[in-house]
Amino acid sequence: MASHLASGKLNVPAVTGAHRPAMTPNVPTFEELVVKGFTSSQWNGFFIARHTPPAIVSKLSDDVKTALRSPENFKRMVDKDFEFIRAALKSGKPKSG
């Protein structure tokens, strides 16, 4: 996205987060421009079938946590302005069934 912004191929009038992302510091927030108190965000999750065997649920959970904790992956996501809820990385055992 940054390259498209820099080239002028993409025009971003405002961002919906609570602050200006590091990748787009010159793009104001909606709160700055339009509506005081307005923010919006998204979340990501992983879903699997309800009756997935507990061993597979545990393995997938461990693999996702390992990937999220990888310094290389973490840096990549931070560079793209991902924000993390620390509790998500510390959560207990996944549920299955």
PDB file of N, CA and C in Angstrom:
ATOM      1  N   MET A   1       0.810  -1.177   0.000  1.00  0.00           N
ATOM      2  CA  MET A   1       0.000   0.000   0.000  1.00  0.00           C
ATOM      3  C   MET A   1       0.868   1.261   0.000  1.00  0.00           C
ATOM      4  N   ALA A   2       1.946   1.247   0.753  1.00  0.00           N
ATOM      5  CA  ALA A   2       2.793   2.444   0.842  1.00  0.00           C
ATOM      6  C   ALA A   2       3.312   2.862  -0.518  1.00  0.00           C
ATOM      7  N   SER A   3       3.694   1.897  -1.354  1.00  0.00           N
ATOM      8  CA  SER A   3       4.211   2.252  -2.672  1.00  0.00           C
ATOM      9  C   SER A   3       3.131   2.889  -3.547  1.00  0.00           C
ATOM     10  N   HIS A   4       1.888   2.416  -3.418  1.00  0.00           N
ATOM     11  CA  HIS A   4       0.784   3.012  -4.187  1.00  0.00           C
ATOM     12  C   HIS A   4       0.469   4.415  -3.695  1.00  0.00           C
ATOM     13  N   LEU A   5       0.567   4.639  -2.393  1.00  0.00           N
ATOM     14  CA  LEU A   5       0.371   5.990  -1.862  1.00  0.00           C
ATOM     15  C   LEU A   5       1.458   6.918  -2.377  1.00  0.00           C
ATOM     16  N   ALA A   6       2.700   6.463  -2.300  1.00  0.00           N
ATOM     17  CA  ALA A   6       3.829   7.289  -2.729  1.00  0.00           C
ATOM     18  C   ALA A   6       3.758   7.613  -4.209  1.00  0.00           C
ATOM     19  N   SER A   7       3.258   6.671  -5.009  1.00  0.00           N
ATOM     20  CA  SER A   7       3.195   6.892  -6.454  1.00  0.00           C
ATOM     21  C   SER A   7       1.991   7.729  -6.869  1.00  0.00           C
ATOM     22  N   GLY A   8       1.057   7.928  -5.953  1.00  0.00           N
ATOM     23  CA  GLY A   8      -0.154   8.676  -6.289  1.00  0.00           C
ATOM     24  C   GLY A   8      -1.249   7.811  -6.891  1.00  0.00           C
ATOM     25  N   LYS A   9      -1.015   6.500  -7.010  1.00  0.00           N
ATOM     26  CA  LYS A   9      -2.038   5.600  -7.547  1.00  0.00           C
ATOM     27  C   LYS A   9      -3.177   5.379  -6.560  1.00  0.00           C
ATOM     28  N   LEU A  10      -2.921   5.648  -5.290  1.00  0.00           N
ATOM     29  CA  LEU A  10      -3.920   5.434  -4.253  1.00  0.00           C
ATOM     30  C   LEU A  10      -4.071   6.701  -3.444  1.00  0.00           C
ATOM     31  N   ASN A  11      -5.302   7.125  -3.247  1.00  0.00           N
ATOM     32  CA  ASN A  11      -5.587   8.288  -2.418  1.00  0.00           C
ATOM     33  C   ASN A  11      -6.363   7.811  -1.200  1.00  0.00           C
ATOM     34  N   VAL A  12      -5.822   8.013  -0.034  1.00  0.00           N
ATOM     35  CA  VAL A  12      -6.490   7.643   1.209  1.00  0.00           C
ATOM     36  C   VAL A  12      -6.858   8.935   1.930  1.00  0.00           C
ATOM     37  N   PRO A  13      -8.145   9.290   1.943  1.00  0.00           N
ATOM     38  CA  PRO A  13      -8.536  10.551   2.574  1.00  0.00           C
ATOM     39  C   PRO A  13      -8.450  10.528   4.095  1.00  0.00           C
ATOM     40  N   ALA A  14      -8.656   9.346   4.710  1.00  0.00           N
ATOM     41  CA  ALA A  14      -8.599   9.244   6.166  1.00  0.00           C
ATOM     42  C   ALA A  14      -8.513   7.775   6.559  1.00  0.00           C
ATOM     43  N   VAL A  15      -8.036   7.535   7.786  1.00  0.00           N
ATOM     44  CA  VAL A  15      -7.996   6.182   8.337  1.00  0.00           C
ATOM     45  C   VAL A  15      -8.994   6.091   9.479  1.00  0.00           C
ATOM     46  N   THR A  16      -9.485   4.882   9.735  1.00  0.00           N
ATOM     47  CA  THR A  16     -10.538   4.721  10.739  1.00  0.00           C
ATOM     48  C   THR A  16     -10.025   4.412  12.130  1.00  0.00           C
ATOM     49  N   GLY A  17      -8.736   4.174  12.285  1.00  0.00           N
ATOM     50  CA  GLY A  17      -8.179   3.852  13.595  1.00  0.00           C
ATOM     51  C   GLY A  17      -8.120   5.063  14.513  1.00  0.00           C
ATOM     52  N   ALA A  18      -7.703   4.829  15.747  1.00  0.00           N
ATOM     53  CA  ALA A  18      -7.638   5.890  16.746  1.00  0.00           C
ATOM     54  C   ALA A  18      -6.449   6.821  16.545  1.00  0.00           C
ATOM     55  N   HIS A  19      -5.463   6.382  15.781  1.00  0.00           N
ATOM     56  CA  HIS A  19      -4.285   7.214  15.533  1.00  0.00           C
ATOM     57  C   HIS A  19      -3.793   7.010  14.103  1.00  0.00           C
ATOM     58  N   ARG A  20      -2.927   7.906  13.667  1.00  0.00           N
ATOM     59  CA  ARG A  20      -2.347   7.797  12.329  1.00  0.00           C
ATOM     60  C   ARG A  20      -1.325   6.664  12.318  1.00  0.00           C
ATOM     61  N   PRO A  21      -1.463   5.734  11.398  1.00  0.00           N
ATOM     62  CA  PRO A  21      -0.489   4.641  11.329  1.00  0.00           C
ATOM     63  C   PRO A  21       0.888   5.144  10.907  1.00  0.00           C
ATOM     64  N   ALA A  22       1.926   4.448  11.357  1.00  0.00           N
ATOM     65  CA  ALA A  22       3.298   4.823  10.991  1.00  0.00           C
ATOM     66  C   ALA A  22       3.495   4.776   9.479  1.00  0.00           C
ATOM     67  N   MET A  23       2.794   3.866   8.796  1.00  0.00           N
ATOM     68  CA  MET A  23       2.944   3.728   7.351  1.00  0.00           C
ATOM     69  C   MET A  23       2.327   4.919   6.610  1.00  0.00           C
ATOM     70  N   THR A  24       1.342   5.576   7.223  1.00  0.00           N
ATOM     71  CA  THR A  24       0.668   6.704   6.571  1.00  0.00           C
ATOM     72  C   THR A  24       0.548   7.882   7.542  1.00  0.00           C
ATOM     73  N   PRO A  25       1.669   8.437   7.976  1.00  0.00           N
ATOM     74  CA  PRO A  25       1.613   9.507   8.983  1.00  0.00           C
ATOM     75  C   PRO A  25       0.956  10.790   8.501  1.00  0.00           C
ATOM     76  N   ASN A  26       0.860  10.987   7.197  1.00  0.00           N
ATOM     77  CA  ASN A  26       0.240  12.208   6.683  1.00  0.00           C
ATOM     78  C   ASN A  26      -1.245  12.056   6.415  1.00  0.00           C
ATOM     79  N   VAL A  27      -1.774  10.876   6.660  1.00  0.00           N
ATOM     80  CA  VAL A  27      -3.200  10.639   6.447  1.00  0.00           C
ATOM     81  C   VAL A  27      -3.920  10.825   7.787  1.00  0.00           C
ATOM     82  N   PRO A  28      -4.867  11.771   7.855  1.00  0.00           N
ATOM     83  CA  PRO A  28      -5.564  12.024   9.119  1.00  0.00           C
ATOM     84  C   PRO A  28      -6.550  10.910   9.464  1.00  0.00           C
ATOM     85  N   THR A  29      -6.965  10.899  10.720  1.00  0.00           N
ATOM     86  CA  THR A  29      -7.994   9.954  11.151  1.00  0.00           C
ATOM     87  C   THR A  29      -9.371  10.558  10.863  1.00  0.00           C
ATOM     88  N   PHE A  30     -10.394   9.705  10.795  1.00  0.00           N
ATOM     89  CA  PHE A  30     -11.762  10.206  10.641  1.00  0.00           C
ATOM     90  C   PHE A  30     -12.115  11.116  11.800  1.00  0.00           C
ATOM     91  N   GLU A  31     -11.620  10.773  12.982  1.00  0.00           N
ATOM     92  CA  GLU A  31     -11.910  11.602  14.152  1.00  0.00           C
ATOM     93  C   GLU A  31     -11.361  13.012  13.963  1.00  0.00           C
ATOM     94  N   GLU A  32     -10.184  13.137  13.380  1.00  0.00           N
ATOM     95  CA  GLU A  32      -9.611  14.458  13.135  1.00  0.00           C
ATOM     96  C   GLU A  32     -10.433  15.255  12.129  1.00  0.00           C
ATOM     97  N   LEU A  33     -10.975  14.571  11.126  1.00  0.00           N
ATOM     98  CA  LEU A  33     -11.652  15.259  10.028  1.00  0.00           C
ATOM     99  C   LEU A  33     -13.158  15.412  10.192  1.00  0.00           C
ATOM    100  N   VAL A  34     -13.803  14.366  10.702  1.00  0.00           N
ATOM    101  CA  VAL A  34     -15.253  14.321  10.584  1.00  0.00           C
ATOM    102  C   VAL A  34     -15.983  14.183  11.913  1.00  0.00           C
ATOM    103  N   VAL A  35     -15.774  13.095  12.599  1.00  0.00           N
ATOM    104  CA  VAL A  35     -16.604  12.760  13.756  1.00  0.00           C
ATOM    105  C   VAL A  35     -15.743  12.551  14.994  1.00  0.00           C
ATOM    106  N   LYS A  36     -15.892  13.417  15.962  1.00  0.00           N
ATOM    107  CA  LYS A  36     -15.149  13.260  17.207  1.00  0.00           C
ATOM    108  C   LYS A  36     -15.576  11.962  17.882  1.00  0.00           C
ATOM    109  N   GLY A  37     -14.592  11.200  18.329  1.00  0.00           N
ATOM    110  CA  GLY A  37     -14.869   9.945  19.010  1.00  0.00           C
ATOM    111  C   GLY A  37     -15.042   8.751  18.086  1.00  0.00           C
ATOM    112  N   PHE A  38     -14.937   8.944  16.767  1.00  0.00           N
ATOM    113  CA  PHE A  38     -15.129   7.839  15.826  1.00  0.00           C
ATOM    114  C   PHE A  38     -13.835   7.064  15.633  1.00  0.00           C
ATOM    115  N   THR A  39     -13.896   5.774  15.853  1.00  0.00           N
ATOM    116  CA  THR A  39     -12.820   4.868  15.475  1.00  0.00           C
ATOM    117  C   THR A  39     -13.449   3.555  15.051  1.00  0.00           C
ATOM    118  N   SER A  40     -12.733   2.827  14.290  1.00  0.00           N
ATOM    119  CA  SER A  40     -13.179   1.515  13.849  1.00  0.00           C
ATOM    120  C   SER A  40     -11.945   0.648  13.697  1.00  0.00           C
ATOM    121  N   SER A  41     -12.089  -0.606  13.979  1.00  0.00           N
ATOM    122  CA  SER A  41     -10.958  -1.508  13.821  1.00  0.00           C
ATOM    123  C   SER A  41     -11.462  -2.859  13.355  1.00  0.00           C
ATOM    124  N   GLN A  42     -10.548  -3.723  13.049  1.00  0.00           N
ATOM    125  CA  GLN A  42     -10.909  -5.073  12.640  1.00  0.00           C
ATOM    126  C   GLN A  42     -10.115  -6.045  13.484  1.00  0.00           C
ATOM    127  N   TRP A  43     -10.563  -7.253  13.515  1.00  0.00           N
ATOM    128  CA  TRP A  43      -9.811  -8.287  14.197  1.00  0.00           C
ATOM    129  C   TRP A  43      -9.730  -9.495  13.287  1.00  0.00           C
ATOM    130  N   ASN A  44      -8.762 -10.307  13.554  1.00  0.00           N
ATOM    131  CA  ASN A  44      -8.553 -11.520  12.771  1.00  0.00           C
ATOM    132  C   ASN A  44      -8.583 -12.709  13.709  1.00  0.00           C
ATOM    133  N   GLY A  45      -9.058 -13.815  13.206  1.00  0.00           N
ATOM    134  CA  GLY A  45      -9.100 -15.023  14.015  1.00  0.00           C
ATOM    135  C   GLY A  45      -8.947 -16.247  13.140  1.00  0.00           C
ATOM    136  N   PHE A  46      -8.770 -17.363  13.781  1.00  0.00           N
ATOM    137  CA  PHE A  46      -8.667 -18.639  13.096  1.00  0.00           C
ATOM    138  C   PHE A  46      -9.813 -19.514  13.567  1.00  0.00           C
ATOM    139  N   PHE A  47     -10.466 -20.147  12.627  1.00  0.00           N
ATOM    140  CA  PHE A  47     -11.606 -20.990  12.940  1.00  0.00           C
ATOM    141  C   PHE A  47     -11.398 -22.369  12.338  1.00  0.00           C
ATOM    142  N   ILE A  48     -11.866 -23.383  13.054  1.00  0.00           N
ATOM    143  CA  ILE A  48     -11.824 -24.750  12.535  1.00  0.00           C
ATOM    144  C   ILE A  48     -13.161 -25.413  12.842  1.00  0.00           C
ATOM    145  N   ALA A  49     -13.388 -26.542  12.210  1.00  0.00           N
ATOM    146  CA  ALA A  49     -14.659 -27.255  12.365  1.00  0.00           C
ATOM    147  C   ALA A  49     -14.909 -27.641  13.825  1.00  0.00           C
ATOM    148  N   ARG A  50     -16.159 -27.657  14.214  1.00  0.00           N
ATOM    149  CA  ARG A  50     -16.572 -27.889  15.590  1.00  0.00           C
ATOM    150  C   ARG A  50     -16.030 -29.185  16.197  1.00  0.00           C
ATOM    151  N   HIS A  51     -16.063 -30.272  15.484  1.00  0.00           N
ATOM    152  CA  HIS A  51     -15.676 -31.558  16.065  1.00  0.00           C
ATOM    153  C   HIS A  51     -14.250 -31.979  15.684  1.00  0.00           C
ATOM    154  N   THR A  52     -13.417 -31.002  15.482  1.00  0.00           N
ATOM    155  CA  THR A  52     -12.016 -31.291  15.195  1.00  0.00           C
ATOM    156  C   THR A  52     -11.401 -31.951  16.439  1.00  0.00           C
ATOM    157  N   PRO A  53     -10.657 -33.032  16.261  1.00  0.00           N
ATOM    158  CA  PRO A  53     -10.050 -33.712  17.413  1.00  0.00           C
ATOM    159  C   PRO A  53      -9.176 -32.764  18.244  1.00  0.00           C
ATOM    160  N   PRO A  54      -9.242 -32.887  19.568  1.00  0.00           N
ATOM    161  CA  PRO A  54      -8.470 -32.004  20.451  1.00  0.00           C
ATOM    162  C   PRO A  54      -6.979 -31.939  20.128  1.00  0.00           C
ATOM    163  N   ALA A  55      -6.387 -33.033  19.716  1.00  0.00           N
ATOM    164  CA  ALA A  55      -4.949 -33.017  19.392  1.00  0.00           C
ATOM    165  C   ALA A  55      -4.663 -32.087  18.211  1.00  0.00           C
ATOM    166  N   ILE A  56      -5.555 -32.075  17.236  1.00  0.00           N
ATOM    167  CA  ILE A  56      -5.372 -31.201  16.068  1.00  0.00           C
ATOM    168  C   ILE A  56      -5.612 -29.743  16.462  1.00  0.00           C
ATOM    169  N   VAL A  57      -6.627 -29.502  17.293  1.00  0.00           N
ATOM    170  CA  VAL A  57      -6.895 -28.140  17.778  1.00  0.00           C
ATOM    171  C   VAL A  57      -5.670 -27.606  18.517  1.00  0.00           C
ATOM    172  N   SER A  58      -5.112 -28.424  19.390  1.00  0.00           N
ATOM    173  CA  SER A  58      -3.948 -28.016  20.165  1.00  0.00           C
ATOM    174  C   SER A  58      -2.748 -27.748  19.261  1.00  0.00           C
ATOM    175  N   LYS A  59      -2.520 -28.616  18.287  1.00  0.00           N
ATOM    176  CA  LYS A  59      -1.397 -28.451  17.350  1.00  0.00           C
ATOM    177  C   LYS A  59      -1.546 -27.157  16.541  1.00  0.00           C
ATOM    178  N   LEU A  60      -2.754 -26.919  16.024  1.00  0.00           N
ATOM    179  CA  LEU A  60      -2.978 -25.686  15.259  1.00  0.00           C
ATOM    180  C   LEU A  60      -2.788 -24.448  16.130  1.00  0.00           C
ATOM    181  N   SER A  61      -3.298 -24.503  17.345  1.00  0.00           N
ATOM    182  CA  SER A  61      -3.148 -23.378  18.266  1.00  0.00           C
ATOM    183  C   SER A  61      -1.669 -23.099  18.542  1.00  0.00           C
ATOM    184  N   ASP A  62      -0.920 -24.152  18.824  1.00  0.00           N
ATOM    185  CA  ASP A  62       0.511 -23.984  19.085  1.00  0.00           C
ATOM    186  C   ASP A  62       1.242 -23.415  17.871  1.00  0.00           C
ATOM    187  N   ASP A  63       0.893 -23.896  16.689  1.00  0.00           N
ATOM    188  CA  ASP A  63       1.544 -23.412  15.464  1.00  0.00           C
ATOM    189  C   ASP A  63       1.246 -21.935  15.208  1.00  0.00           C
ATOM    190  N   VAL A  64      -0.001 -21.529  15.440  1.00  0.00           N
ATOM    191  CA  VAL A  64      -0.373 -20.120  15.245  1.00  0.00           C
ATOM    192  C   VAL A  64       0.372 -19.245  16.245  1.00  0.00           C
ATOM    193  N   LYS A  65       0.408 -19.655  17.507  1.00  0.00           N
ATOM    194  CA  LYS A  65       1.125 -18.879  18.525  1.00  0.00           C
ATOM    195  C   LYS A  65       2.610 -18.773  18.173  1.00  0.00           C
ATOM    196  N   THR A  66       3.203 -19.878  17.725  1.00  0.00           N
ATOM    197  CA  THR A  66       4.614 -19.862  17.335  1.00  0.00           C
ATOM    198  C   THR A  66       4.841 -18.867  16.195  1.00  0.00           C
ATOM    199  N   ALA A  67       3.968 -18.898  15.206  1.00  0.00           N
ATOM    200  CA  ALA A  67       4.098 -17.972  14.071  1.00  0.00           C
ATOM    201  C   ALA A  67       3.949 -16.526  14.526  1.00  0.00           C
ATOM    202  N   LEU A  68       2.979 -16.241  15.399  1.00  0.00           N
ATOM    203  CA  LEU A  68       2.776 -14.872  15.861  1.00  0.00           C
ATOM    204  C   LEU A  68       3.924 -14.376  16.729  1.00  0.00           C
ATOM    205  N   ARG A  69       4.562 -15.290  17.427  1.00  0.00           N
ATOM    206  CA  ARG A  69       5.674 -14.904  18.307  1.00  0.00           C
ATOM    207  C   ARG A  69       7.014 -14.858  17.586  1.00  0.00           C
ATOM    208  N   SER A  70       7.063 -15.305  16.349  1.00  0.00           N
ATOM    209  CA  SER A  70       8.303 -15.268  15.585  1.00  0.00           C
ATOM    210  C   SER A  70       8.741 -13.811  15.423  1.00  0.00           C
ATOM    211  N   PRO A  71       9.977 -13.485  15.789  1.00  0.00           N
ATOM    212  CA  PRO A  71      10.439 -12.102  15.643  1.00  0.00           C
ATOM    213  C   PRO A  71      10.302 -11.572  14.218  1.00  0.00           C
ATOM    214  N   GLU A  72      10.568 -12.413  13.230  1.00  0.00           N
ATOM    215  CA  GLU A  72      10.467 -11.966  11.838  1.00  0.00           C
ATOM    216  C   GLU A  72       9.011 -11.650  11.473  1.00  0.00           C
ATOM    217  N   ASN A  73       8.101 -12.549  11.824  1.00  0.00           N
ATOM    218  CA  ASN A  73       6.691 -12.319  11.522  1.00  0.00           C
ATOM    219  C   ASN A  73       6.148 -11.136  12.303  1.00  0.00           C
ATOM    220  N   PHE A  74       6.535 -11.037  13.577  1.00  0.00           N
ATOM    221  CA  PHE A  74       6.061  -9.931  14.407  1.00  0.00           C
ATOM    222  C   PHE A  74       6.512  -8.599  13.817  1.00  0.00           C
ATOM    223  N   LYS A  75       7.789  -8.505  13.430  1.00  0.00           N
ATOM    224  CA  LYS A  75       8.296  -7.269  12.823  1.00  0.00           C
ATOM    225  C   LYS A  75       7.538  -6.946  11.541  1.00  0.00           C
ATOM    226  N   ARG A  76       7.298  -7.959  10.730  1.00  0.00           N
ATOM    227  CA  ARG A  76       6.562  -7.759   9.474  1.00  0.00           C
ATOM    228  C   ARG A  76       5.174  -7.174   9.751  1.00  0.00           C
ATOM    229  N   MET A  77       4.495  -7.720  10.755  1.00  0.00           N
ATOM    230  CA  MET A  77       3.154  -7.231  11.075  1.00  0.00           C
ATOM    231  C   MET A  77       3.192  -5.824  11.678  1.00  0.00           C
ATOM    232  N   VAL A  78       4.160  -5.565  12.542  1.00  0.00           N
ATOM    233  CA  VAL A  78       4.295  -4.222  13.122  1.00  0.00           C
ATOM    234  C   VAL A  78       4.598  -3.206  12.032  1.00  0.00           C
ATOM    235  N   ASP A  79       5.458  -3.577  11.084  1.00  0.00           N
ATOM    236  CA  ASP A  79       5.785  -2.683   9.971  1.00  0.00           C
ATOM    237  C   ASP A  79       4.550  -2.347   9.135  1.00  0.00           C
ATOM    238  N   LYS A  80       3.566  -3.217   9.157  1.00  0.00           N
ATOM    239  CA  LYS A  80       2.322  -2.983   8.421  1.00  0.00           C
ATOM    240  C   LYS A  80       1.226  -2.416   9.326  1.00  0.00           C
ATOM    241  N   ASP A  81       1.635  -1.948  10.519  1.00  0.00           N
ATOM    242  CA  ASP A  81       0.745  -1.296  11.482  1.00  0.00           C
ATOM    243  C   ASP A  81      -0.302  -2.201  12.102  1.00  0.00           C
ATOM    244  N   PHE A  82      -0.011  -3.485  12.206  1.00  0.00           N
ATOM    245  CA  PHE A  82      -0.888  -4.347  12.993  1.00  0.00           C
ATOM    246  C   PHE A  82      -0.776  -3.917  14.446  1.00  0.00           C
ATOM    247  N   GLU A  83      -1.871  -3.981  15.156  1.00  0.00           N
ATOM    248  CA  GLU A  83      -1.846  -3.743  16.593  1.00  0.00           C
ATOM    249  C   GLU A  83      -2.282  -5.037  17.250  1.00  0.00           C
ATOM    250  N   PHE A  84      -1.721  -5.328  18.404  1.00  0.00           N
ATOM    251  CA  PHE A  84      -1.976  -6.593  19.054  1.00  0.00           C
ATOM    252  C   PHE A  84      -2.619  -6.404  20.411  1.00  0.00           C
ATOM    253  N   ILE A  85      -3.541  -7.285  20.704  1.00  0.00           N
ATOM    254  CA  ILE A  85      -4.095  -7.366  22.047  1.00  0.00           C
ATOM    255  C   ILE A  85      -3.279  -8.448  22.731  1.00  0.00           C
ATOM    256  N   ARG A  86      -2.464  -8.056  23.646  1.00  0.00           N
ATOM    257  CA  ARG A  86      -1.505  -8.967  24.259  1.00  0.00           C
ATOM    258  C   ARG A  86      -2.183 -10.217  24.827  1.00  0.00           C
ATOM    259  N   ALA A  87      -3.390 -10.088  25.346  1.00  0.00           N
ATOM    260  CA  ALA A  87      -4.086 -11.246  25.926  1.00  0.00           C
ATOM    261  C   ALA A  87      -4.277 -12.356  24.903  1.00  0.00           C
ATOM    262  N   ALA A  88      -4.401 -12.009  23.652  1.00  0.00           N
ATOM    263  CA  ALA A  88      -4.620 -13.021  22.609  1.00  0.00           C
ATOM    264  C   ALA A  88      -3.421 -13.941  22.490  1.00  0.00           C
ATOM    265  N   LEU A  89      -2.242 -13.438  22.737  1.00  0.00           N
ATOM    266  CA  LEU A  89      -1.056 -14.269  22.643  1.00  0.00           C
ATOM    267  C   LEU A  89      -0.792 -15.046  23.934  1.00  0.00           C
ATOM    268  N   LYS A  90      -1.497 -14.700  25.011  1.00  0.00           N
ATOM    269  CA  LYS A  90      -1.299 -15.368  26.287  1.00  0.00           C
ATOM    270  C   LYS A  90      -2.488 -16.248  26.662  1.00  0.00           C
ATOM    271  N   SER A  91      -3.450 -16.387  25.773  1.00  0.00           N
ATOM    272  CA  SER A  91      -4.677 -17.096  26.116  1.00  0.00           C
ATOM    273  C   SER A  91      -4.408 -18.527  26.516  1.00  0.00           C
ATOM    274  N   GLY A  92      -5.362 -19.082  27.234  1.00  0.00           N
ATOM    275  CA  GLY A  92      -5.250 -20.445  27.717  1.00  0.00           C
ATOM    276  C   GLY A  92      -5.403 -21.457  26.604  1.00  0.00           C
ATOM    277  N   LYS A  93      -5.661 -22.679  26.994  1.00  0.00           N
ATOM    278  CA  LYS A  93      -5.801 -23.759  26.013  1.00  0.00           C
ATOM    279  C   LYS A  93      -7.011 -23.541  25.137  1.00  0.00           C
ATOM    280  N   PRO A  94      -6.915 -23.891  23.873  1.00  0.00           N
ATOM    281  CA  PRO A  94      -8.057 -23.741  22.972  1.00  0.00           C
ATOM    282  C   PRO A  94      -9.148 -24.735  23.318  1.00  0.00           C
ATOM    283  N   LYS A  95     -10.367 -24.383  22.962  1.00  0.00           N
ATOM    284  CA  LYS A  95     -11.497 -25.264  23.200  1.00  0.00           C
ATOM    285  C   LYS A  95     -11.734 -26.109  21.958  1.00  0.00           C
ATOM    286  N   SER A  96     -12.196 -27.284  22.149  1.00  0.00           N
ATOM    287  CA  SER A  96     -12.572 -28.131  21.016  1.00  0.00           C
ATOM    288  C   SER A  96     -13.913 -28.757  21.324  1.00  0.00           C
ATOM    289  N   GLY A  97     -14.565 -29.264  20.265  1.00  0.00           N
ATOM    290  CA  GLY A  97     -15.835 -29.958  20.484  1.00  0.00           C
ATOM    291  C   GLY A  97     -16.945 -29.210  20.072  1.00  0.00           C
TER     292      GLY A  97
END
